[in-house]
Amino acid sequence: MAKSELPPSAADLGEPEASNRQRVEVDDSRAISAYANFCRVTGTPEELIIDFGLNPQPMGIPTQPVMISQRIVTNYYTAKRMLHALQLTLHRHEQAFGVLEVDINKRVVNRPQNPG
C-alpha cells in the first residue's frame, strides 16, 4: 500500500499559524486519475456538487454533449477549504510561470500565414 504525507502547508488549511499544523497521512493507492477540461458547479443548501468532464469542442458553443466522468459531492466547509488550497496553489504557479489567462480567445495566437 503506497502512502504519502501532505506537506503541512496543504494538510491543514484551517489553522492560521504554521506552527500548529499537523501532518495528515494520505493513502492514494486506490485513487483514479482523470483529465477534465470542463467543470460545472451546482448545489443544494447543504451540499456542493462539482461535475468534471471532457468537452470535445472547447472553442465556441459545443454541439455535442459534454460527457461528465466524475462528480464530487461535498459540504460547503470542505469546499471553502478546497477553494483556499486551489487559490494558494494557483498563486504560487502564477508567481513562478506567469498569469494564467482563462479566456481561450485571448490565449489563441493568430499567426500570420506564410505567403507562398
C-alpha atoms as a PDB file:
ATOM      1  CA  MET A   1       0.000   0.000   0.000  1.00  0.00           C
ATOM      2  CA  ALA A   2       1.524   3.299  -1.117  1.00  0.00           C
ATOM      3  CA  LYS A   3       1.288   6.029   1.471  1.00  0.00           C
ATOM      4  CA  SER A   4       2.311   9.637   1.290  1.00  0.00           C
ATOM      5  CA  GLU A   5       2.049  12.642   3.530  1.00  0.00           C
ATOM      6  CA  LEU A   6       0.846  16.084   2.566  1.00  0.00           C
ATOM      7  CA  PRO A   7       3.207  18.894   3.456  1.00  0.00           C
ATOM      8  CA  PRO A   8       1.996  20.955   6.404  1.00  0.00           C
ATOM      9  CA  SER A   9       1.138  23.847   4.074  1.00  0.00           C
ATOM     10  CA  ALA A  10      -1.584  21.815   2.377  1.00  0.00           C
ATOM     11  CA  ALA A  11      -2.529  19.372   5.135  1.00  0.00           C
ATOM     12  CA  ASP A  12      -4.445  21.626   7.470  1.00  0.00           C
ATOM     13  CA  LEU A  13      -5.539  24.879   5.883  1.00  0.00           C
ATOM     14  CA  GLY A  14      -7.921  25.643   8.744  1.00  0.00           C
ATOM     15  CA  GLU A  15      -5.050  26.519  11.105  1.00  0.00           C
ATOM     16  CA  PRO A  16      -3.907  30.148  10.949  1.00  0.00           C
ATOM     17  CA  GLU A  17      -0.432  29.537  12.401  1.00  0.00           C
ATOM     18  CA  ALA A  18       2.103  27.322  10.635  1.00  0.00           C
ATOM     19  CA  SER A  19       3.494  26.075  13.963  1.00  0.00           C
ATOM     20  CA  ASN A  20       0.132  24.463  14.849  1.00  0.00           C
ATOM     21  CA  ARG A  21      -0.216  22.476  11.615  1.00  0.00           C
ATOM     22  CA  GLN A  22      -0.144  18.708  11.735  1.00  0.00           C
ATOM     23  CA  ARG A  23       0.670  16.201   9.039  1.00  0.00           C
ATOM     24  CA  VAL A  24      -2.196  14.177   7.625  1.00  0.00           C
ATOM     25  CA  GLU A  25      -1.394  10.687   6.366  1.00  0.00           C
ATOM     26  CA  VAL A  26      -2.865  10.049   2.914  1.00  0.00           C
ATOM     27  CA  ASP A  27      -3.287   6.688   1.175  1.00  0.00           C
ATOM     28  CA  ASP A  28      -3.660   7.345  -2.564  1.00  0.00           C
ATOM     29  CA  SER A  29      -3.110   3.750  -3.689  1.00  0.00           C
ATOM     30  CA  ARG A  30      -6.743   3.433  -4.875  1.00  0.00           C
ATOM     31  CA  ALA A  31      -7.092   6.894  -6.408  1.00  0.00           C
ATOM     32  CA  ILE A  32      -8.248   7.090 -10.001  1.00  0.00           C
ATOM     33  CA  SER A  33      -6.927   9.920 -12.158  1.00  0.00           C
ATOM     34  CA  ALA A  34      -8.982  11.504 -14.901  1.00  0.00           C
ATOM     35  CA  TYR A  35      -8.469  14.528 -17.161  1.00  0.00           C
ATOM     36  CA  ALA A  36     -11.166  17.196 -17.377  1.00  0.00           C
ATOM     37  CA  ASN A  37     -11.422  20.387 -19.383  1.00  0.00           C
ATOM     38  CA  PHE A  38     -14.979  21.103 -18.232  1.00  0.00           C
ATOM     39  CA  CYS A  39     -16.344  21.827 -14.773  1.00  0.00           C
ATOM     40  CA  ARG A  40     -19.907  22.563 -13.645  1.00  0.00           C
ATOM     41  CA  VAL A  41     -20.794  23.620 -10.106  1.00  0.00           C
ATOM     42  CA  THR A  42     -24.299  23.237  -8.703  1.00  0.00           C
ATOM     43  CA  GLY A  43     -25.608  22.632  -5.238  1.00  0.00           C
ATOM     44  CA  THR A  44     -28.261  22.457  -2.587  1.00  0.00           C
ATOM     45  CA  PRO A  45     -28.428  24.371   0.686  1.00  0.00           C
ATOM     46  CA  GLU A  46     -26.437  21.532   2.325  1.00  0.00           C
ATOM     47  CA  GLU A  47     -24.105  20.261  -0.414  1.00  0.00           C
ATOM     48  CA  LEU A  48     -21.977  21.428  -3.289  1.00  0.00           C
ATOM     49  CA  ILE A  49     -21.917  19.284  -6.445  1.00  0.00           C
ATOM     50  CA  ILE A  50     -18.938  19.585  -8.785  1.00  0.00           C
ATOM     51  CA  ASP A  51     -19.086  17.725 -12.116  1.00  0.00           C
ATOM     52  CA  PHE A  52     -15.966  17.164 -14.221  1.00  0.00           C
ATOM     53  CA  GLY A  53     -15.947  16.052 -17.817  1.00  0.00           C
ATOM     54  CA  LEU A  54     -14.435  16.273 -21.255  1.00  0.00           C
ATOM     55  CA  ASN A  55     -15.672  18.911 -23.687  1.00  0.00           C
ATOM     56  CA  PRO A  56     -14.791  17.714 -27.210  1.00  0.00           C
ATOM     57  CA  GLN A  57     -15.281  21.290 -28.510  1.00  0.00           C
ATOM     58  CA  PRO A  58     -13.507  23.691 -26.147  1.00  0.00           C
ATOM     59  CA  MET A  59     -13.970  26.641 -28.550  1.00  0.00           C
ATOM     60  CA  GLY A  60     -17.422  28.135 -29.097  1.00  0.00           C
ATOM     61  CA  ILE A  61     -20.707  26.536 -28.090  1.00  0.00           C
ATOM     62  CA  PRO A  62     -20.462  22.739 -28.055  1.00  0.00           C
ATOM     63  CA  THR A  63     -22.765  20.892 -30.456  1.00  0.00           C
ATOM     64  CA  GLN A  64     -22.008  17.558 -28.796  1.00  0.00           C
ATOM     65  CA  PRO A  65     -22.910  16.786 -25.167  1.00  0.00           C
ATOM     66  CA  VAL A  66     -20.176  17.168 -22.585  1.00  0.00           C
ATOM     67  CA  MET A  67     -19.658  13.758 -21.005  1.00  0.00           C
ATOM     68  CA  ILE A  68     -19.431  14.017 -17.213  1.00  0.00           C
ATOM     69  CA  SER A  69     -16.978  11.414 -15.897  1.00  0.00           C
ATOM     70  CA  GLN A  70     -16.501  12.448 -12.263  1.00  0.00           C
ATOM     71  CA  ARG A  71     -18.809  14.010  -9.676  1.00  0.00           C
ATOM     72  CA  ILE A  72     -17.711  15.308  -6.299  1.00  0.00           C
ATOM     73  CA  VAL A  73     -20.399  15.949  -3.692  1.00  0.00           C
ATOM     74  CA  THR A  74     -19.123  17.778  -0.627  1.00  0.00           C
ATOM     75  CA  ASN A  75     -20.220  20.170   2.086  1.00  0.00           C
ATOM     76  CA  TYR A  76     -19.608  23.894   1.935  1.00  0.00           C
ATOM     77  CA  TYR A  77     -16.944  23.820   4.674  1.00  0.00           C
ATOM     78  CA  THR A  78     -14.806  21.382   2.700  1.00  0.00           C
ATOM     79  CA  ALA A  79     -15.479  23.382  -0.483  1.00  0.00           C
ATOM     80  CA  LYS A  80     -14.200  26.538   1.214  1.00  0.00           C
ATOM     81  CA  ARG A  81     -11.022  24.747   2.327  1.00  0.00           C
ATOM     82  CA  MET A  82     -10.605  23.403  -1.215  1.00  0.00           C
ATOM     83  CA  LEU A  83     -11.073  26.912  -2.647  1.00  0.00           C
ATOM     84  CA  HIS A  84      -8.364  28.228  -0.330  1.00  0.00           C
ATOM     85  CA  ALA A  85      -5.963  25.401  -1.284  1.00  0.00           C
ATOM     86  CA  LEU A  86      -6.588  25.996  -5.003  1.00  0.00           C
ATOM     87  CA  GLN A  87      -6.092  29.765  -4.627  1.00  0.00           C
ATOM     88  CA  LEU A  88      -2.753  29.240  -2.864  1.00  0.00           C
ATOM     89  CA  THR A  89      -1.616  26.729  -5.468  1.00  0.00           C
ATOM     90  CA  LEU A  90      -2.617  28.926  -8.421  1.00  0.00           C
ATOM     91  CA  HIS A  91      -0.974  31.971  -6.840  1.00  0.00           C
ATOM     92  CA  ARG A  92       2.308  30.057  -6.452  1.00  0.00           C
ATOM     93  CA  HIS A  93       2.067  28.748 -10.039  1.00  0.00           C
ATOM     94  CA  GLU A  94       1.463  32.236 -11.448  1.00  0.00           C
ATOM     95  CA  GLN A  95       4.369  33.653  -9.433  1.00  0.00           C
ATOM     96  CA  ALA A  96       6.649  31.023 -10.968  1.00  0.00           C
ATOM     97  CA  PHE A  97       5.286  30.851 -14.531  1.00  0.00           C
ATOM     98  CA  GLY A  98       3.160  33.947 -15.177  1.00  0.00           C
ATOM     99  CA  VAL A  99      -0.526  34.784 -15.145  1.00  0.00           C
ATOM    100  CA  LEU A 100      -2.927  32.130 -16.434  1.00  0.00           C
ATOM    101  CA  GLU A 101      -5.389  33.548 -18.966  1.00  0.00           C
ATOM    102  CA  VAL A 102      -8.711  31.696 -18.673  1.00  0.00           C
ATOM    103  CA  ASP A 103     -10.320  33.314 -21.730  1.00  0.00           C
ATOM    104  CA  ILE A 104      -9.348  30.922 -24.529  1.00  0.00           C
ATOM    105  CA  ASN A 105      -9.940  33.640 -27.149  1.00  0.00           C
ATOM    106  CA  LYS A 106      -7.197  35.749 -25.551  1.00  0.00           C
ATOM    107  CA  ARG A 107      -4.824  32.759 -25.497  1.00  0.00           C
ATOM    108  CA  VAL A 108      -5.192  31.870 -29.175  1.00  0.00           C
ATOM    109  CA  VAL A 109      -2.371  33.446 -31.123  1.00  0.00           C
ATOM    110  CA  ASN A 110      -3.220  34.467 -34.667  1.00  0.00           C
ATOM    111  CA  ARG A 111      -0.122  33.516 -36.598  1.00  0.00           C
ATOM    112  CA  PRO A 112       0.445  35.252 -39.924  1.00  0.00           C
ATOM    113  CA  GLN A 113       0.164  32.961 -42.928  1.00  0.00           C
ATOM    114  CA  ASN A 114       3.367  32.282 -44.830  1.00  0.00           C
ATOM    115  CA  PRO A 115       2.998  33.700 -48.348  1.00  0.00           C
ATOM    116  CA  GLY A 116       3.800  31.137 -50.975  1.00  0.00           C
END
